[in-house]
PDB file of all heavy atoms in Angstrom:
ATOM      1  N   LYS A   1     125.739  71.863  64.879  1.00  0.00           N
ATOM      2  CA  LYS A   1     126.166  71.189  63.671  1.00  0.00           C
ATOM      3  C   LYS A   1     127.631  71.436  63.440  1.00  0.00           C
ATOM      4  O   LYS A   1     128.394  70.540  62.994  1.00  0.00           O
ATOM      5  CB  LYS A   1     125.323  71.653  62.504  1.00  0.00           C
ATOM      6  CG  LYS A   1     125.792  71.165  61.184  1.00  0.00           C
ATOM      7  CD  LYS A   1     124.904  71.679  60.020  1.00  0.00           C
ATOM      8  CE  LYS A   1     125.374  71.204  58.709  1.00  0.00           C
ATOM      9  NZ  LYS A   1     124.471  71.563  57.633  1.00  0.00           N
ATOM     10  N   SER A   2     128.090  72.634  63.648  1.00  0.00           N
ATOM     11  CA  SER A   2     129.486  72.975  63.602  1.00  0.00           C
ATOM     12  C   SER A   2     130.139  72.593  64.876  1.00  0.00           C
ATOM     13  O   SER A   2     129.766  73.023  65.966  1.00  0.00           O
ATOM     14  CB  SER A   2     129.641  74.481  63.407  1.00  0.00           C
ATOM     15  OG  SER A   2     130.973  74.870  63.446  1.00  0.00           O
ATOM     16  N   PRO A   3     131.049  71.607  64.853  1.00  0.00           N
ATOM     17  CA  PRO A   3     131.630  71.103  66.093  1.00  0.00           C
ATOM     18  C   PRO A   3     132.419  72.072  66.919  1.00  0.00           C
ATOM     19  O   PRO A   3     132.658  71.845  68.126  1.00  0.00           O
ATOM     20  CB  PRO A   3     132.510  69.949  65.599  1.00  0.00           C
ATOM     21  CG  PRO A   3     132.818  70.259  64.176  1.00  0.00           C
ATOM     22  CD  PRO A   3     131.625  70.925  63.665  1.00  0.00           C
ATOM     23  N   SER A   4     132.770  73.206  66.317  1.00  0.00           N
ATOM     24  CA  SER A   4     133.431  74.243  67.115  1.00  0.00           C
ATOM     25  C   SER A   4     132.482  75.024  67.998  1.00  0.00           C
ATOM     26  O   SER A   4     132.966  75.783  68.835  1.00  0.00           O
ATOM     27  CB  SER A   4     134.200  75.196  66.194  1.00  0.00           C
ATOM     28  OG  SER A   4     133.378  75.854  65.322  1.00  0.00           O
ATOM     29  N   ASN A   5     131.225  74.925  67.723  1.00  0.00           N
ATOM     30  CA  ASN A   5     130.217  75.626  68.588  1.00  0.00           C
ATOM     31  C   ASN A   5     129.693  74.668  69.663  1.00  0.00           C
ATOM     32  O   ASN A   5     128.902  73.802  69.447  1.00  0.00           O
ATOM     33  CB  ASN A   5     129.079  76.128  67.729  1.00  0.00           C
ATOM     34  CG  ASN A   5     129.374  77.385  66.921  1.00  0.00           C
ATOM     35  OD1 ASN A   5     130.237  78.121  67.314  1.00  0.00           O
ATOM     36  ND2 ASN A   5     128.734  77.579  65.798  1.00  0.00           N
ATOM     37  N   THR A   6     130.274  74.902  70.849  1.00  0.00           N
ATOM     38  CA  THR A   6     129.869  74.193  72.042  1.00  0.00           C
ATOM     39  C   THR A   6     129.474  75.064  73.183  1.00  0.00           C
ATOM     40  O   THR A   6     129.949  76.232  73.171  1.00  0.00           O
ATOM     41  CB  THR A   6     131.000  73.199  72.489  1.00  0.00           C
ATOM     42  OG1 THR A   6     132.124  73.950  72.810  1.00  0.00           O
ATOM     43  CG2 THR A   6     131.379  72.160  71.370  1.00  0.00           C
ATOM     44  N   ASN A   7     128.756  74.532  74.142  1.00  0.00           N
ATOM     45  CA  ASN A   7     128.376  75.393  75.232  1.00  0.00           C
ATOM     46  C   ASN A   7     128.327  74.450  76.453  1.00  0.00           C
ATOM     47  O   ASN A   7     127.983  73.246  76.362  1.00  0.00           O
ATOM     48  CB  ASN A   7     127.067  76.062  74.975  1.00  0.00           C
ATOM     49  CG  ASN A   7     126.798  77.292  75.789  1.00  0.00           C
ATOM     50  OD1 ASN A   7     127.574  77.603  76.691  1.00  0.00           O
ATOM     51  ND2 ASN A   7     125.778  78.037  75.420  1.00  0.00           N
ATOM     52  N   TYR A   8     128.669  75.039  77.635  1.00  0.00           N
ATOM     53  CA  TYR A   8     128.719  74.212  78.836  1.00  0.00           C
ATOM     54  C   TYR A   8     128.069  74.949  79.977  1.00  0.00           C
ATOM     55  O   TYR A   8     128.149  76.176  80.105  1.00  0.00           O
ATOM     56  CB  TYR A   8     130.125  73.940  79.232  1.00  0.00           C
ATOM     57  CG  TYR A   8     130.905  73.063  78.217  1.00  0.00           C
ATOM     58  CD1 TYR A   8     131.619  73.705  77.225  1.00  0.00           C
ATOM     59  CD2 TYR A   8     130.856  71.707  78.325  1.00  0.00           C
ATOM     60  CE1 TYR A   8     132.320  72.920  76.319  1.00  0.00           C
ATOM     61  CE2 TYR A   8     131.591  70.884  77.386  1.00  0.00           C
ATOM     62  CZ  TYR A   8     132.237  71.526  76.380  1.00  0.00           C
ATOM     63  OH  TYR A   8     133.008  70.766  75.446  1.00  0.00           O
ATOM     64  N   ALA A   9     127.419  74.252  80.912  1.00  0.00           N
ATOM     65  CA  ALA A   9     126.998  74.822  82.120  1.00  0.00           C
ATOM     66  C   ALA A   9     128.228  75.188  82.924  1.00  0.00           C
ATOM     67  O   ALA A   9     129.274  74.489  82.858  1.00  0.00           O
ATOM     68  CB  ALA A   9     126.154  73.831  82.964  1.00  0.00           C
ATOM     69  N   SER A  10     128.123  76.249  83.790  1.00  0.00           N
ATOM     70  CA  SER A  10     129.275  76.709  84.516  1.00  0.00           C
ATOM     71  C   SER A  10     129.787  75.599  85.482  1.00  0.00           C
ATOM     72  O   SER A  10     130.929  75.536  85.815  1.00  0.00           O
ATOM     73  CB  SER A  10     128.920  77.992  85.262  1.00  0.00           C
ATOM     74  OG  SER A  10     127.852  77.747  86.111  1.00  0.00           O
ATOM     75  N   SER A  11     128.861  74.772  85.933  1.00  0.00           N
ATOM     76  CA  SER A  11     129.215  73.799  86.949  1.00  0.00           C
ATOM     77  C   SER A  11     130.092  72.650  86.341  1.00  0.00           C
ATOM     78  O   SER A  11     130.692  71.909  87.089  1.00  0.00           O
ATOM     79  CB  SER A  11     127.965  73.155  87.530  1.00  0.00           C
ATOM     80  OG  SER A  11     127.123  72.550  86.523  1.00  0.00           O
ATOM     81  N   VAL A  12     130.059  72.534  85.028  1.00  0.00           N
ATOM     82  CA  VAL A  12     130.891  71.470  84.420  1.00  0.00           C
ATOM     83  C   VAL A  12     131.989  71.983  83.502  1.00  0.00           C
ATOM     84  O   VAL A  12     132.776  71.166  82.991  1.00  0.00           O
ATOM     85  CB  VAL A  12     129.953  70.463  83.632  1.00  0.00           C
ATOM     86  CG1 VAL A  12     128.853  69.944  84.531  1.00  0.00           C
ATOM     87  CG2 VAL A  12     129.437  71.165  82.354  1.00  0.00           C
ATOM     88  N   LYS A  13     132.045  73.220  83.253  1.00  0.00           N
ATOM     89  CA  LYS A  13     133.004  73.778  82.340  1.00  0.00           C
ATOM     90  C   LYS A  13     134.404  73.459  82.887  1.00  0.00           C
ATOM     91  O   LYS A  13     134.686  73.510  84.150  1.00  0.00           O
ATOM     92  CB  LYS A  13     132.830  75.255  82.292  1.00  0.00           C
ATOM     93  CG  LYS A  13     133.457  75.872  80.983  1.00  0.00           C
ATOM     94  CD  LYS A  13     133.000  77.302  80.777  1.00  0.00           C
ATOM     95  CE  LYS A  13     133.465  77.825  79.464  1.00  0.00           C
ATOM     96  NZ  LYS A  13     133.057  79.248  79.224  1.00  0.00           N
ATOM     97  N   ASP A  14     135.329  73.128  82.014  1.00  0.00           N
ATOM     98  CA  ASP A  14     136.731  72.747  82.334  1.00  0.00           C
ATOM     99  C   ASP A  14     136.826  71.369  82.888  1.00  0.00           C
ATOM    100  O   ASP A  14     137.935  70.830  83.134  1.00  0.00           O
ATOM    101  CB  ASP A  14     137.330  73.751  83.339  1.00  0.00           C
ATOM    102  CG  ASP A  14     137.434  75.121  82.783  1.00  0.00           C
ATOM    103  OD1 ASP A  14     137.605  75.267  81.571  1.00  0.00           O
ATOM    104  OD2 ASP A  14     137.334  76.027  83.618  1.00  0.00           O
ATOM    105  N   ARG A  15     135.760  70.635  83.096  1.00  0.00           N
ATOM    106  CA  ARG A  15     135.758  69.226  83.502  1.00  0.00           C
ATOM    107  C   ARG A  15     135.128  68.291  82.432  1.00  0.00           C
ATOM    108  O   ARG A  15     135.557  67.170  82.291  1.00  0.00           O
ATOM    109  CB  ARG A  15     135.013  69.046  84.771  1.00  0.00           C
ATOM    110  CG  ARG A  15     135.636  69.786  85.982  1.00  0.00           C
ATOM    111  CD  ARG A  15     134.926  69.368  87.290  1.00  0.00           C
ATOM    112  NE  ARG A  15     133.531  69.643  87.323  1.00  0.00           N
ATOM    113  CZ  ARG A  15     132.590  68.774  87.570  1.00  0.00           C
ATOM    114  NH1 ARG A  15     132.935  67.467  87.747  1.00  0.00           N
ATOM    115  NH2 ARG A  15     131.324  69.088  87.567  1.00  0.00           N
ATOM    116  N   PHE A  16     134.081  68.829  81.711  1.00  0.00           N
ATOM    117  CA  PHE A  16     133.404  67.978  80.724  1.00  0.00           C
ATOM    118  C   PHE A  16     133.762  68.551  79.302  1.00  0.00           C
ATOM    119  O   PHE A  16     133.909  69.736  79.118  1.00  0.00           O
ATOM    120  CB  PHE A  16     131.870  68.099  80.907  1.00  0.00           C
ATOM    121  CG  PHE A  16     131.351  67.445  82.153  1.00  0.00           C
ATOM    122  CD1 PHE A  16     132.210  66.941  83.125  1.00  0.00           C
ATOM    123  CD2 PHE A  16     129.961  67.308  82.344  1.00  0.00           C
ATOM    124  CE1 PHE A  16     131.665  66.340  84.268  1.00  0.00           C
ATOM    125  CE2 PHE A  16     129.447  66.716  83.451  1.00  0.00           C
ATOM    126  CZ  PHE A  16     130.294  66.164  84.454  1.00  0.00           C
ATOM    127  N   THR A  17     133.812  67.600  78.347  1.00  0.00           N
ATOM    128  CA  THR A  17     134.012  67.982  76.996  1.00  0.00           C
ATOM    129  C   THR A  17     133.028  67.208  76.056  1.00  0.00           C
ATOM    130  O   THR A  17     132.925  65.985  76.163  1.00  0.00           O
ATOM    131  CB  THR A  17     135.439  67.552  76.552  1.00  0.00           C
ATOM    132  OG1 THR A  17     136.388  68.241  77.392  1.00  0.00           O
ATOM    133  CG2 THR A  17     135.673  68.052  75.127  1.00  0.00           C
ATOM    134  N   ILE A  18     132.334  67.942  75.293  1.00  0.00           N
ATOM    135  CA  ILE A  18     131.394  67.348  74.299  1.00  0.00           C
ATOM    136  C   ILE A  18     132.110  67.280  72.935  1.00  0.00           C
ATOM    137  O   ILE A  18     132.848  68.189  72.581  1.00  0.00           O
ATOM    138  CB  ILE A  18     130.113  68.175  74.284  1.00  0.00           C
ATOM    139  CG1 ILE A  18     128.983  67.354  73.512  1.00  0.00           C
ATOM    140  CG2 ILE A  18     130.317  69.556  73.665  1.00  0.00           C
ATOM    141  CD1 ILE A  18     127.639  68.038  73.655  1.00  0.00           C
ATOM    142  N   SER A  19     131.767  66.216  72.246  1.00  0.00           N
ATOM    143  CA  SER A  19     132.310  66.074  70.939  1.00  0.00           C
ATOM    144  C   SER A  19     131.389  65.295  70.014  1.00  0.00           C
ATOM    145  O   SER A  19     130.486  64.580  70.571  1.00  0.00           O
ATOM    146  CB  SER A  19     133.724  65.413  70.929  1.00  0.00           C
ATOM    147  OG  SER A  19     133.613  64.061  71.483  1.00  0.00           O
ATOM    148  N   ARG A  20     131.540  65.274  68.760  1.00  0.00           N
ATOM    149  CA  ARG A  20     130.683  64.590  67.894  1.00  0.00           C
ATOM    150  C   ARG A  20     131.475  63.850  66.826  1.00  0.00           C
ATOM    151  O   ARG A  20     132.542  64.332  66.360  1.00  0.00           O
ATOM    152  CB  ARG A  20     129.609  65.456  67.233  1.00  0.00           C
ATOM    153  CG  ARG A  20     130.119  66.535  66.323  1.00  0.00           C
ATOM    154  CD  ARG A  20     129.036  67.523  65.981  1.00  0.00           C
ATOM    155  NE  ARG A  20     127.990  66.825  65.280  1.00  0.00           N
ATOM    156  CZ  ARG A  20     126.649  67.210  65.356  1.00  0.00           C
ATOM    157  NH1 ARG A  20     126.335  68.273  66.064  1.00  0.00           N
ATOM    158  NH2 ARG A  20     125.721  66.552  64.650  1.00  0.00           N
ATOM    159  N   ASP A  21     131.015  62.626  66.411  1.00  0.00           N
ATOM    160  CA  ASP A  21     131.610  61.854  65.382  1.00  0.00           C
ATOM    161  C   ASP A  21     130.497  61.526  64.380  1.00  0.00           C
ATOM    162  O   ASP A  21     129.749  60.580  64.589  1.00  0.00           O
ATOM    163  CB  ASP A  21     132.277  60.606  65.905  1.00  0.00           C
ATOM    164  CG  ASP A  21     133.006  59.838  64.837  1.00  0.00           C
ATOM    165  OD1 ASP A  21     132.672  59.906  63.660  1.00  0.00           O
ATOM    166  OD2 ASP A  21     133.904  59.050  65.240  1.00  0.00           O
ATOM    167  N   ASN A  22     130.392  62.345  63.348  1.00  0.00           N
ATOM    168  CA  ASN A  22     129.249  62.134  62.412  1.00  0.00           C
ATOM    169  C   ASN A  22     129.402  60.853  61.603  1.00  0.00           C
ATOM    170  O   ASN A  22     128.375  60.295  61.092  1.00  0.00           O
ATOM    171  CB  ASN A  22     129.142  63.294  61.474  1.00  0.00           C
ATOM    172  CG  ASN A  22     128.590  64.512  62.129  1.00  0.00           C
ATOM    173  OD1 ASN A  22     128.153  64.512  63.297  1.00  0.00           O
ATOM    174  ND2 ASN A  22     128.653  65.694  61.453  1.00  0.00           N
ATOM    175  N   VAL A  23     130.607  60.297  61.507  1.00  0.00           N
ATOM    176  CA  VAL A  23     130.788  59.013  60.818  1.00  0.00           C
ATOM    177  C   VAL A  23     130.154  57.927  61.639  1.00  0.00           C
ATOM    178  O   VAL A  23     129.462  56.997  61.098  1.00  0.00           O
ATOM    179  CB  VAL A  23     132.287  58.752  60.559  1.00  0.00           C
ATOM    180  CG1 VAL A  23     132.493  57.331  59.997  1.00  0.00           C
ATOM    181  CG2 VAL A  23     132.793  59.731  59.578  1.00  0.00           C
ATOM    182  N   LYS A  24     130.367  57.986  62.954  1.00  0.00           N
ATOM    183  CA  LYS A  24     129.779  56.970  63.839  1.00  0.00           C
ATOM    184  C   LYS A  24     128.390  57.283  64.306  1.00  0.00           C
ATOM    185  O   LYS A  24     127.708  56.578  65.029  1.00  0.00           O
ATOM    186  CB  LYS A  24     130.666  56.755  65.111  1.00  0.00           C
ATOM    187  CG  LYS A  24     132.045  56.160  64.761  1.00  0.00           C
ATOM    188  CD  LYS A  24     132.824  55.860  65.964  1.00  0.00           C
ATOM    189  CE  LYS A  24     134.155  55.228  65.659  1.00  0.00           C
ATOM    190  NZ  LYS A  24     134.993  54.961  66.829  1.00  0.00           N
ATOM    191  N   ASN A  25     127.920  58.515  63.840  1.00  0.00           N
ATOM    192  CA  ASN A  25     126.589  59.002  64.203  1.00  0.00           C
ATOM    193  C   ASN A  25     126.367  59.045  65.730  1.00  0.00           C
ATOM    194  O   ASN A  25     125.341  58.669  66.255  1.00  0.00           O
ATOM    195  CB  ASN A  25     125.471  58.135  63.547  1.00  0.00           C
ATOM    196  CG  ASN A  25     124.291  58.906  62.999  1.00  0.00           C
ATOM    197  OD1 ASN A  25     124.471  60.068  62.655  1.00  0.00           O
ATOM    198  ND2 ASN A  25     123.179  58.342  62.931  1.00  0.00           N
ATOM    199  N   THR A  26     127.433  59.588  66.407  1.00  0.00           N
ATOM    200  CA  THR A  26     127.451  59.481  67.894  1.00  0.00           C
ATOM    201  C   THR A  26     128.001  60.814  68.397  1.00  0.00           C
ATOM    202  O   THR A  26     128.875  61.382  67.836  1.00  0.00           O
ATOM    203  CB  THR A  26     128.288  58.332  68.384  1.00  0.00           C
ATOM    204  OG1 THR A  26     127.761  57.062  67.869  1.00  0.00           O
ATOM    205  CG2 THR A  26     128.347  58.231  69.849  1.00  0.00           C
ATOM    206  N   VAL A  27     127.433  61.217  69.574  1.00  0.00           N
ATOM    207  CA  VAL A  27     127.962  62.359  70.291  1.00  0.00           C
ATOM    208  C   VAL A  27     128.498  61.835  71.666  1.00  0.00           C
ATOM    209  O   VAL A  27     127.822  60.956  72.228  1.00  0.00           O
ATOM    210  CB  VAL A  27     126.915  63.426  70.441  1.00  0.00           C
ATOM    211  CG1 VAL A  27     127.365  64.523  71.448  1.00  0.00           C
ATOM    212  CG2 VAL A  27     126.645  64.046  69.107  1.00  0.00           C
ATOM    213  N   TYR A  28     129.595  62.392  72.106  1.00  0.00           N
ATOM    214  CA  TYR A  28     130.156  61.956  73.346  1.00  0.00           C
ATOM    215  C   TYR A  28     130.198  63.039  74.405  1.00  0.00           C
ATOM    216  O   TYR A  28     130.258  64.268  74.055  1.00  0.00           O
ATOM    217  CB  TYR A  28     131.591  61.461  73.096  1.00  0.00           C
ATOM    218  CG  TYR A  28     131.724  60.383  72.110  1.00  0.00           C
ATOM    219  CD1 TYR A  28     132.065  60.667  70.751  1.00  0.00           C
ATOM    220  CD2 TYR A  28     131.483  59.100  72.388  1.00  0.00           C
ATOM    221  CE1 TYR A  28     132.219  59.661  69.799  1.00  0.00           C
ATOM    222  CE2 TYR A  28     131.537  58.027  71.461  1.00  0.00           C
ATOM    223  CZ  TYR A  28     131.940  58.389  70.168  1.00  0.00           C
ATOM    224  OH  TYR A  28     132.013  57.379  69.182  1.00  0.00           O
ATOM    225  N   LEU A  29     130.222  62.669  75.616  1.00  0.00           N
ATOM    226  CA  LEU A  29     130.409  63.604  76.743  1.00  0.00           C
ATOM    227  C   LEU A  29     131.484  62.993  77.620  1.00  0.00           C
ATOM    228  O   LEU A  29     131.248  62.037  78.321  1.00  0.00           O
ATOM    229  CB  LEU A  29     129.175  63.847  77.542  1.00  0.00           C
ATOM    230  CG  LEU A  29     129.240  64.871  78.648  1.00  0.00           C
ATOM    231  CD1 LEU A  29     129.436  66.307  78.005  1.00  0.00           C
ATOM    232  CD2 LEU A  29     128.048  64.866  79.548  1.00  0.00           C
ATOM    233  N   GLN A  30     132.727  63.543  77.487  1.00  0.00           N
ATOM    234  CA  GLN A  30     133.787  63.112  78.335  1.00  0.00           C
ATOM    235  C   GLN A  30     133.728  63.854  79.664  1.00  0.00           C
ATOM    236  O   GLN A  30     133.749  65.070  79.673  1.00  0.00           O
ATOM    237  CB  GLN A  30     135.196  63.339  77.636  1.00  0.00           C
ATOM    238  CG  GLN A  30     136.362  62.944  78.504  1.00  0.00           C
ATOM    239  CD  GLN A  30     136.471  61.464  78.645  1.00  0.00           C
ATOM    240  OE1 GLN A  30     136.421  60.683  77.682  1.00  0.00           O
ATOM    241  NE2 GLN A  30     136.583  61.035  79.865  1.00  0.00           N
TER     242      GLN A  30
END
């Protein structure tokens, strides 16, 4: 719920970024 709390698998860390936009009710995975 707090967007600063994220976690990543070691295989994707530094390549993938998760983010959320509660206004758009959407979560992204770059």
